Each structure stands twice: as C-alpha cells, then as structure tokens.
Amino acid sequence: MNRLAETTTQKDISALERHVLASRDIATQIGDPFLSYLLSMALFTIYEKKAQHENEALKSGFS
C-alpha cells in the first residue's frame, strides 16, 4: 500500500481514498474487524501521502 501511494497523483489518491473508505464501511457492516483494521491502516497511509502533497505545495508556494 505504501508503495502504491508513493506513485499516485493527488487525483488518484482521492479516488483511492474513496474506494478504501467504501470498502472499510462494507467490512464494518459485515462484521469483519480484521479487514476493517487493515483498511483503516491503508487509509492512514493515504492520509500521510495527502499531507505530504499538501506540505510540498505549501513549500513551493513560499519559494
């Protein structure tokens, strides 16, 4: 997951985030806590990547 997030664009990251959120919701509804946990970890990775993109954008804006 980490490798995938490193090679995606901001638009791809947003789409990936929506899909993982939907999958996590389904896993929660069917009562699979392990899958829900794994998808939560995937979301954490996605959020980290989004934060890196935002920080880079802010840094380039100040340069």
PDB file of N, CA and C in Angstrom:
ATOM      1  N   MET A   1       0.830  -1.184   0.000  1.00  0.00           N
ATOM      2  CA  MET A   1       0.000   0.000   0.000  1.00  0.00           C
ATOM      3  C   MET A   1       0.871   1.241   0.000  1.00  0.00           C
ATOM      4  N   ASN A   2       1.908   1.240   0.799  1.00  0.00           N
ATOM      5  CA  ASN A   2       2.784   2.395   0.874  1.00  0.00           C
ATOM      6  C   ASN A   2       3.424   2.672  -0.480  1.00  0.00           C
ATOM      7  N   ARG A   3       3.869   1.632  -1.164  1.00  0.00           N
ATOM      8  CA  ARG A   3       4.493   1.793  -2.477  1.00  0.00           C
ATOM      9  C   ARG A   3       3.484   2.342  -3.479  1.00  0.00           C
ATOM     10  N   LEU A   4       2.247   1.890  -3.407  1.00  0.00           N
ATOM     11  CA  LEU A   4       1.202   2.376  -4.301  1.00  0.00           C
ATOM     12  C   LEU A   4       0.941   3.858  -4.068  1.00  0.00           C
ATOM     13  N   ALA A   5       0.870   4.264  -2.827  1.00  0.00           N
ATOM     14  CA  ALA A   5       0.606   5.670  -2.508  1.00  0.00           C
ATOM     15  C   ALA A   5       1.746   6.570  -2.951  1.00  0.00           C
ATOM     16  N   GLU A   6       2.965   6.058  -3.003  1.00  0.00           N
ATOM     17  CA  GLU A   6       4.103   6.871  -3.414  1.00  0.00           C
ATOM     18  C   GLU A   6       4.087   7.193  -4.900  1.00  0.00           C
ATOM     19  N   THR A   7       3.429   6.389  -5.710  1.00  0.00           N
ATOM     20  CA  THR A   7       3.471   6.568  -7.155  1.00  0.00           C
ATOM     21  C   THR A   7       2.201   7.192  -7.722  1.00  0.00           C
ATOM     22  N   THR A   8       1.260   7.588  -6.888  1.00  0.00           N
ATOM     23  CA  THR A   8      -0.002   8.115  -7.377  1.00  0.00           C
ATOM     24  C   THR A   8      -0.032   9.634  -7.345  1.00  0.00           C
ATOM     25  N   THR A   9      -0.891  10.213  -8.175  1.00  0.00           N
ATOM     26  CA  THR A   9      -1.098  11.657  -8.186  1.00  0.00           C
ATOM     27  C   THR A   9      -2.141  12.018  -7.140  1.00  0.00           C
ATOM     28  N   GLN A  10      -2.335  13.319  -6.921  1.00  0.00           N
ATOM     29  CA  GLN A  10      -3.315  13.771  -5.940  1.00  0.00           C
ATOM     30  C   GLN A  10      -4.723  13.311  -6.325  1.00  0.00           C
ATOM     31  N   LYS A  11      -5.044  13.356  -7.608  1.00  0.00           N
ATOM     32  CA  LYS A  11      -6.364  12.901  -8.071  1.00  0.00           C
ATOM     33  C   LYS A  11      -6.531  11.406  -7.823  1.00  0.00           C
ATOM     34  N   ASP A  12      -5.485  10.639  -8.101  1.00  0.00           N
ATOM     35  CA  ASP A  12      -5.538   9.195  -7.867  1.00  0.00           C
ATOM     36  C   ASP A  12      -5.677   8.887  -6.386  1.00  0.00           C
ATOM     37  N   ILE A  13      -4.998   9.656  -5.551  1.00  0.00           N
ATOM     38  CA  ILE A  13      -5.061   9.440  -4.105  1.00  0.00           C
ATOM     39  C   ILE A  13      -6.486   9.664  -3.600  1.00  0.00           C
ATOM     40  N   SER A  14      -7.143  10.697  -4.112  1.00  0.00           N
ATOM     41  CA  SER A  14      -8.520  10.970  -3.689  1.00  0.00           C
ATOM     42  C   SER A  14      -9.456   9.842  -4.106  1.00  0.00           C
ATOM     43  N   ALA A  15      -9.273   9.335  -5.303  1.00  0.00           N
ATOM     44  CA  ALA A  15     -10.104   8.219  -5.767  1.00  0.00           C
ATOM     45  C   ALA A  15      -9.831   6.969  -4.934  1.00  0.00           C
ATOM     46  N   LEU A  16      -8.573   6.702  -4.664  1.00  0.00           N
ATOM     47  CA  LEU A  16      -8.197   5.559  -3.844  1.00  0.00           C
ATOM     48  C   LEU A  16      -8.786   5.688  -2.440  1.00  0.00           C
ATOM     49  N   GLU A  17      -8.752   6.895  -1.892  1.00  0.00           N
ATOM     50  CA  GLU A  17      -9.320   7.132  -0.568  1.00  0.00           C
ATOM     51  C   GLU A  17     -10.817   6.798  -0.546  1.00  0.00           C
ATOM     52  N   ARG A  18     -11.554   7.234  -1.554  1.00  0.00           N
ATOM     53  CA  ARG A  18     -12.994   6.947  -1.608  1.00  0.00           C
ATOM     54  C   ARG A  18     -13.261   5.446  -1.668  1.00  0.00           C
ATOM     55  N   HIS A  19     -12.483   4.732  -2.467  1.00  0.00           N
ATOM     56  CA  HIS A  19     -12.673   3.291  -2.594  1.00  0.00           C
ATOM     57  C   HIS A  19     -12.350   2.558  -1.293  1.00  0.00           C
ATOM     58  N   VAL A  20     -11.267   2.959  -0.649  1.00  0.00           N
ATOM     59  CA  VAL A  20     -10.882   2.299   0.607  1.00  0.00           C
ATOM     60  C   VAL A  20     -11.912   2.608   1.696  1.00  0.00           C
ATOM     61  N   LEU A  21     -12.404   3.852   1.737  1.00  0.00           N
ATOM     62  CA  LEU A  21     -13.442   4.192   2.719  1.00  0.00           C
ATOM     63  C   LEU A  21     -14.690   3.347   2.505  1.00  0.00           C
ATOM     64  N   ALA A  22     -15.103   3.202   1.255  1.00  0.00           N
ATOM     65  CA  ALA A  22     -16.292   2.391   0.959  1.00  0.00           C
ATOM     66  C   ALA A  22     -16.056   0.935   1.350  1.00  0.00           C
ATOM     67  N   SER A  23     -14.876   0.428   1.057  1.00  0.00           N
ATOM     68  CA  SER A  23     -14.556  -0.961   1.401  1.00  0.00           C
ATOM     69  C   SER A  23     -14.533  -1.163   2.908  1.00  0.00           C
ATOM     70  N   ARG A  24     -13.991  -0.185   3.619  1.00  0.00           N
ATOM     71  CA  ARG A  24     -13.953  -0.291   5.085  1.00  0.00           C
ATOM     72  C   ARG A  24     -15.366  -0.277   5.661  1.00  0.00           C
ATOM     73  N   ASP A  25     -16.225   0.565   5.094  1.00  0.00           N
ATOM     74  CA  ASP A  25     -17.621   0.602   5.551  1.00  0.00           C
ATOM     75  C   ASP A  25     -18.294  -0.747   5.342  1.00  0.00           C
ATOM     76  N   ILE A  26     -18.037  -1.368   4.202  1.00  0.00           N
ATOM     77  CA  ILE A  26     -18.621  -2.688   3.924  1.00  0.00           C
ATOM     78  C   ILE A  26     -18.075  -3.725   4.902  1.00  0.00           C
ATOM     79  N   ALA A  27     -16.771  -3.689   5.144  1.00  0.00           N
ATOM     80  CA  ALA A  27     -16.165  -4.640   6.079  1.00  0.00           C
ATOM     81  C   ALA A  27     -16.756  -4.473   7.480  1.00  0.00           C
ATOM     82  N   THR A  28     -17.015  -3.233   7.864  1.00  0.00           N
ATOM     83  CA  THR A  28     -17.614  -2.978   9.171  1.00  0.00           C
ATOM     84  C   THR A  28     -19.047  -3.511   9.214  1.00  0.00           C
ATOM     85  N   GLN A  29     -19.785  -3.291   8.142  1.00  0.00           N
ATOM     86  CA  GLN A  29     -21.179  -3.751   8.091  1.00  0.00           C
ATOM     87  C   GLN A  29     -21.295  -5.270   8.138  1.00  0.00           C
ATOM     88  N   ILE A  30     -20.360  -5.961   7.510  1.00  0.00           N
ATOM     89  CA  ILE A  30     -20.443  -7.425   7.523  1.00  0.00           C
ATOM     90  C   ILE A  30     -19.799  -8.013   8.775  1.00  0.00           C
ATOM     91  N   GLY A  31     -19.189  -7.158   9.580  1.00  0.00           N
ATOM     92  CA  GLY A  31     -18.655  -7.605  10.858  1.00  0.00           C
ATOM     93  C   GLY A  31     -17.291  -8.260  10.782  1.00  0.00           C
ATOM     94  N   ASP A  32     -16.440  -7.789   9.874  1.00  0.00           N
ATOM     95  CA  ASP A  32     -15.083  -8.334   9.745  1.00  0.00           C
ATOM     96  C   ASP A  32     -14.088  -7.328  10.332  1.00  0.00           C
ATOM     97  N   PRO A  33     -13.772  -7.457  11.621  1.00  0.00           N
ATOM     98  CA  PRO A  33     -12.916  -6.460  12.262  1.00  0.00           C
ATOM     99  C   PRO A  33     -11.485  -6.446  11.718  1.00  0.00           C
ATOM    100  N   PHE A  34     -10.959  -7.599  11.314  1.00  0.00           N
ATOM    101  CA  PHE A  34      -9.592  -7.629  10.811  1.00  0.00           C
ATOM    102  C   PHE A  34      -9.480  -6.883   9.483  1.00  0.00           C
ATOM    103  N   LEU A  35     -10.414  -7.126   8.575  1.00  0.00           N
ATOM    104  CA  LEU A  35     -10.407  -6.423   7.287  1.00  0.00           C
ATOM    105  C   LEU A  35     -10.626  -4.928   7.492  1.00  0.00           C
ATOM    106  N   SER A  36     -11.508  -4.588   8.399  1.00  0.00           N
ATOM    107  CA  SER A  36     -11.751  -3.181   8.716  1.00  0.00           C
ATOM    108  C   SER A  36     -10.476  -2.525   9.246  1.00  0.00           C
ATOM    109  N   TYR A  37      -9.747  -3.238  10.095  1.00  0.00           N
ATOM    110  CA  TYR A  37      -8.478  -2.735  10.626  1.00  0.00           C
ATOM    111  C   TYR A  37      -7.463  -2.530   9.501  1.00  0.00           C
ATOM    112  N   LEU A  38      -7.331  -3.505   8.614  1.00  0.00           N
ATOM    113  CA  LEU A  38      -6.381  -3.386   7.510  1.00  0.00           C
ATOM    114  C   LEU A  38      -6.720  -2.200   6.614  1.00  0.00           C
ATOM    115  N   LEU A  39      -7.984  -2.022   6.345  1.00  0.00           N
ATOM    116  CA  LEU A  39      -8.390  -0.893   5.514  1.00  0.00           C
ATOM    117  C   LEU A  39      -8.183   0.436   6.230  1.00  0.00           C
ATOM    118  N   SER A  40      -8.312   0.441   7.544  1.00  0.00           N
ATOM    119  CA  SER A  40      -8.010   1.652   8.317  1.00  0.00           C
ATOM    120  C   SER A  40      -6.521   1.990   8.221  1.00  0.00           C
ATOM    121  N   MET A  41      -5.678   0.981   8.241  1.00  0.00           N
ATOM    122  CA  MET A  41      -4.243   1.211   8.079  1.00  0.00           C
ATOM    123  C   MET A  41      -3.931   1.744   6.676  1.00  0.00           C
ATOM    124  N   ALA A  42      -4.655   1.238   5.686  1.00  0.00           N
ATOM    125  CA  ALA A  42      -4.489   1.745   4.324  1.00  0.00           C
ATOM    126  C   ALA A  42      -4.899   3.216   4.263  1.00  0.00           C
ATOM    127  N   LEU A  43      -5.983   3.572   4.934  1.00  0.00           N
ATOM    128  CA  LEU A  43      -6.408   4.970   4.975  1.00  0.00           C
ATOM    129  C   LEU A  43      -5.357   5.843   5.639  1.00  0.00           C
ATOM    130  N   PHE A  44      -4.744   5.345   6.685  1.00  0.00           N
ATOM    131  CA  PHE A  44      -3.691   6.093   7.362  1.00  0.00           C
ATOM    132  C   PHE A  44      -2.560   6.414   6.383  1.00  0.00           C
ATOM    133  N   THR A  45      -2.175   5.440   5.577  1.00  0.00           N
ATOM    134  CA  THR A  45      -1.127   5.639   4.578  1.00  0.00           C
ATOM    135  C   THR A  45      -1.556   6.676   3.549  1.00  0.00           C
ATOM    136  N   ILE A  46      -2.809   6.607   3.140  1.00  0.00           N
ATOM    137  CA  ILE A  46      -3.328   7.570   2.168  1.00  0.00           C
ATOM    138  C   ILE A  46      -3.312   8.976   2.763  1.00  0.00           C
ATOM    139  N   TYR A  47      -3.741   9.112   4.008  1.00  0.00           N
ATOM    140  CA  TYR A  47      -3.760  10.423   4.656  1.00  0.00           C
ATOM    141  C   TYR A  47      -2.347  10.982   4.823  1.00  0.00           C
ATOM    142  N   GLU A  48      -1.385  10.119   5.102  1.00  0.00           N
ATOM    143  CA  GLU A  48       0.004  10.568   5.183  1.00  0.00           C
ATOM    144  C   GLU A  48       0.466  11.128   3.841  1.00  0.00           C
ATOM    145  N   LYS A  49       0.134  10.433   2.769  1.00  0.00           N
ATOM    146  CA  LYS A  49       0.540  10.861   1.433  1.00  0.00           C
ATOM    147  C   LYS A  49      -0.136  12.173   1.064  1.00  0.00           C
ATOM    148  N   LYS A  50      -1.395  12.328   1.414  1.00  0.00           N
ATOM    149  CA  LYS A  50      -2.093  13.580   1.139  1.00  0.00           C
ATOM    150  C   LYS A  50      -1.435  14.732   1.904  1.00  0.00           C
ATOM    151  N   ALA A  51      -1.045  14.489   3.130  1.00  0.00           N
ATOM    152  CA  ALA A  51      -0.381  15.519   3.921  1.00  0.00           C
ATOM    153  C   ALA A  51       0.968  15.892   3.306  1.00  0.00           C
ATOM    154  N   GLN A  52       1.697  14.921   2.795  1.00  0.00           N
ATOM    155  CA  GLN A  52       2.970  15.208   2.138  1.00  0.00           C
ATOM    156  C   GLN A  52       2.755  16.079   0.907  1.00  0.00           C
ATOM    157  N   HIS A  53       1.729  15.767   0.111  1.00  0.00           N
ATOM    158  CA  HIS A  53       1.421  16.574  -1.066  1.00  0.00           C
ATOM    159  C   HIS A  53       1.092  18.012  -0.662  1.00  0.00           C
ATOM    160  N   GLU A  54       0.300  18.163   0.396  1.00  0.00           N
ATOM    161  CA  GLU A  54      -0.076  19.498   0.854  1.00  0.00           C
ATOM    162  C   GLU A  54       1.133  20.265   1.363  1.00  0.00           C
ATOM    163  N   ASN A  55       2.021  19.593   2.100  1.00  0.00           N
ATOM    164  CA  ASN A  55       3.231  20.253   2.594  1.00  0.00           C
ATOM    165  C   ASN A  55       4.130  20.687   1.451  1.00  0.00           C
ATOM    166  N   GLU A  56       4.273  19.830   0.442  1.00  0.00           N
ATOM    167  CA  GLU A  56       5.093  20.187  -0.719  1.00  0.00           C
ATOM    168  C   GLU A  56       4.494  21.375  -1.458  1.00  0.00           C
ATOM    169  N   ALA A  57       3.170  21.419  -1.567  1.00  0.00           N
ATOM    170  CA  ALA A  57       2.506  22.527  -2.240  1.00  0.00           C
ATOM    171  C   ALA A  57       2.724  23.823  -1.459  1.00  0.00           C
ATOM    172  N   LEU A  58       2.648  23.738  -0.135  1.00  0.00           N
ATOM    173  CA  LEU A  58       2.877  24.933   0.687  1.00  0.00           C
ATOM    174  C   LEU A  58       4.324  25.418   0.569  1.00  0.00           C
ATOM    175  N   LYS A  59       5.261  24.479   0.584  1.00  0.00           N
ATOM    176  CA  LYS A  59       6.668  24.851   0.472  1.00  0.00           C
ATOM    177  C   LYS A  59       6.963  25.499  -0.874  1.00  0.00           C
ATOM    178  N   SER A  60       6.393  24.956  -1.945  1.00  0.00           N
ATOM    179  CA  SER A  60       6.637  25.529  -3.267  1.00  0.00           C
ATOM    180  C   SER A  60       5.941  26.884  -3.411  1.00  0.00           C
ATOM    181  N   GLY A  61       4.875  27.100  -2.661  1.00  0.00           N
ATOM    182  CA  GLY A  61       4.178  28.393  -2.683  1.00  0.00           C
ATOM    183  C   GLY A  61       4.968  29.495  -2.006  1.00  0.00           C
ATOM    184  N   PHE A  62       5.793  29.148  -1.063  1.00  0.00           N
ATOM    185  CA  PHE A  62       6.590  30.126  -0.345  1.00  0.00           C
ATOM    186  C   PHE A  62       7.934  30.379  -0.997  1.00  0.00           C
ATOM    187  N   SER A  63       8.307  29.570  -1.949  1.00  0.00           N
ATOM    188  CA  SER A  63       9.621  29.727  -2.607  1.00  0.00           C
ATOM    189  C   SER A  63       9.594  30.768  -3.695  1.00  0.00           C
TER     190      SER A  63
END
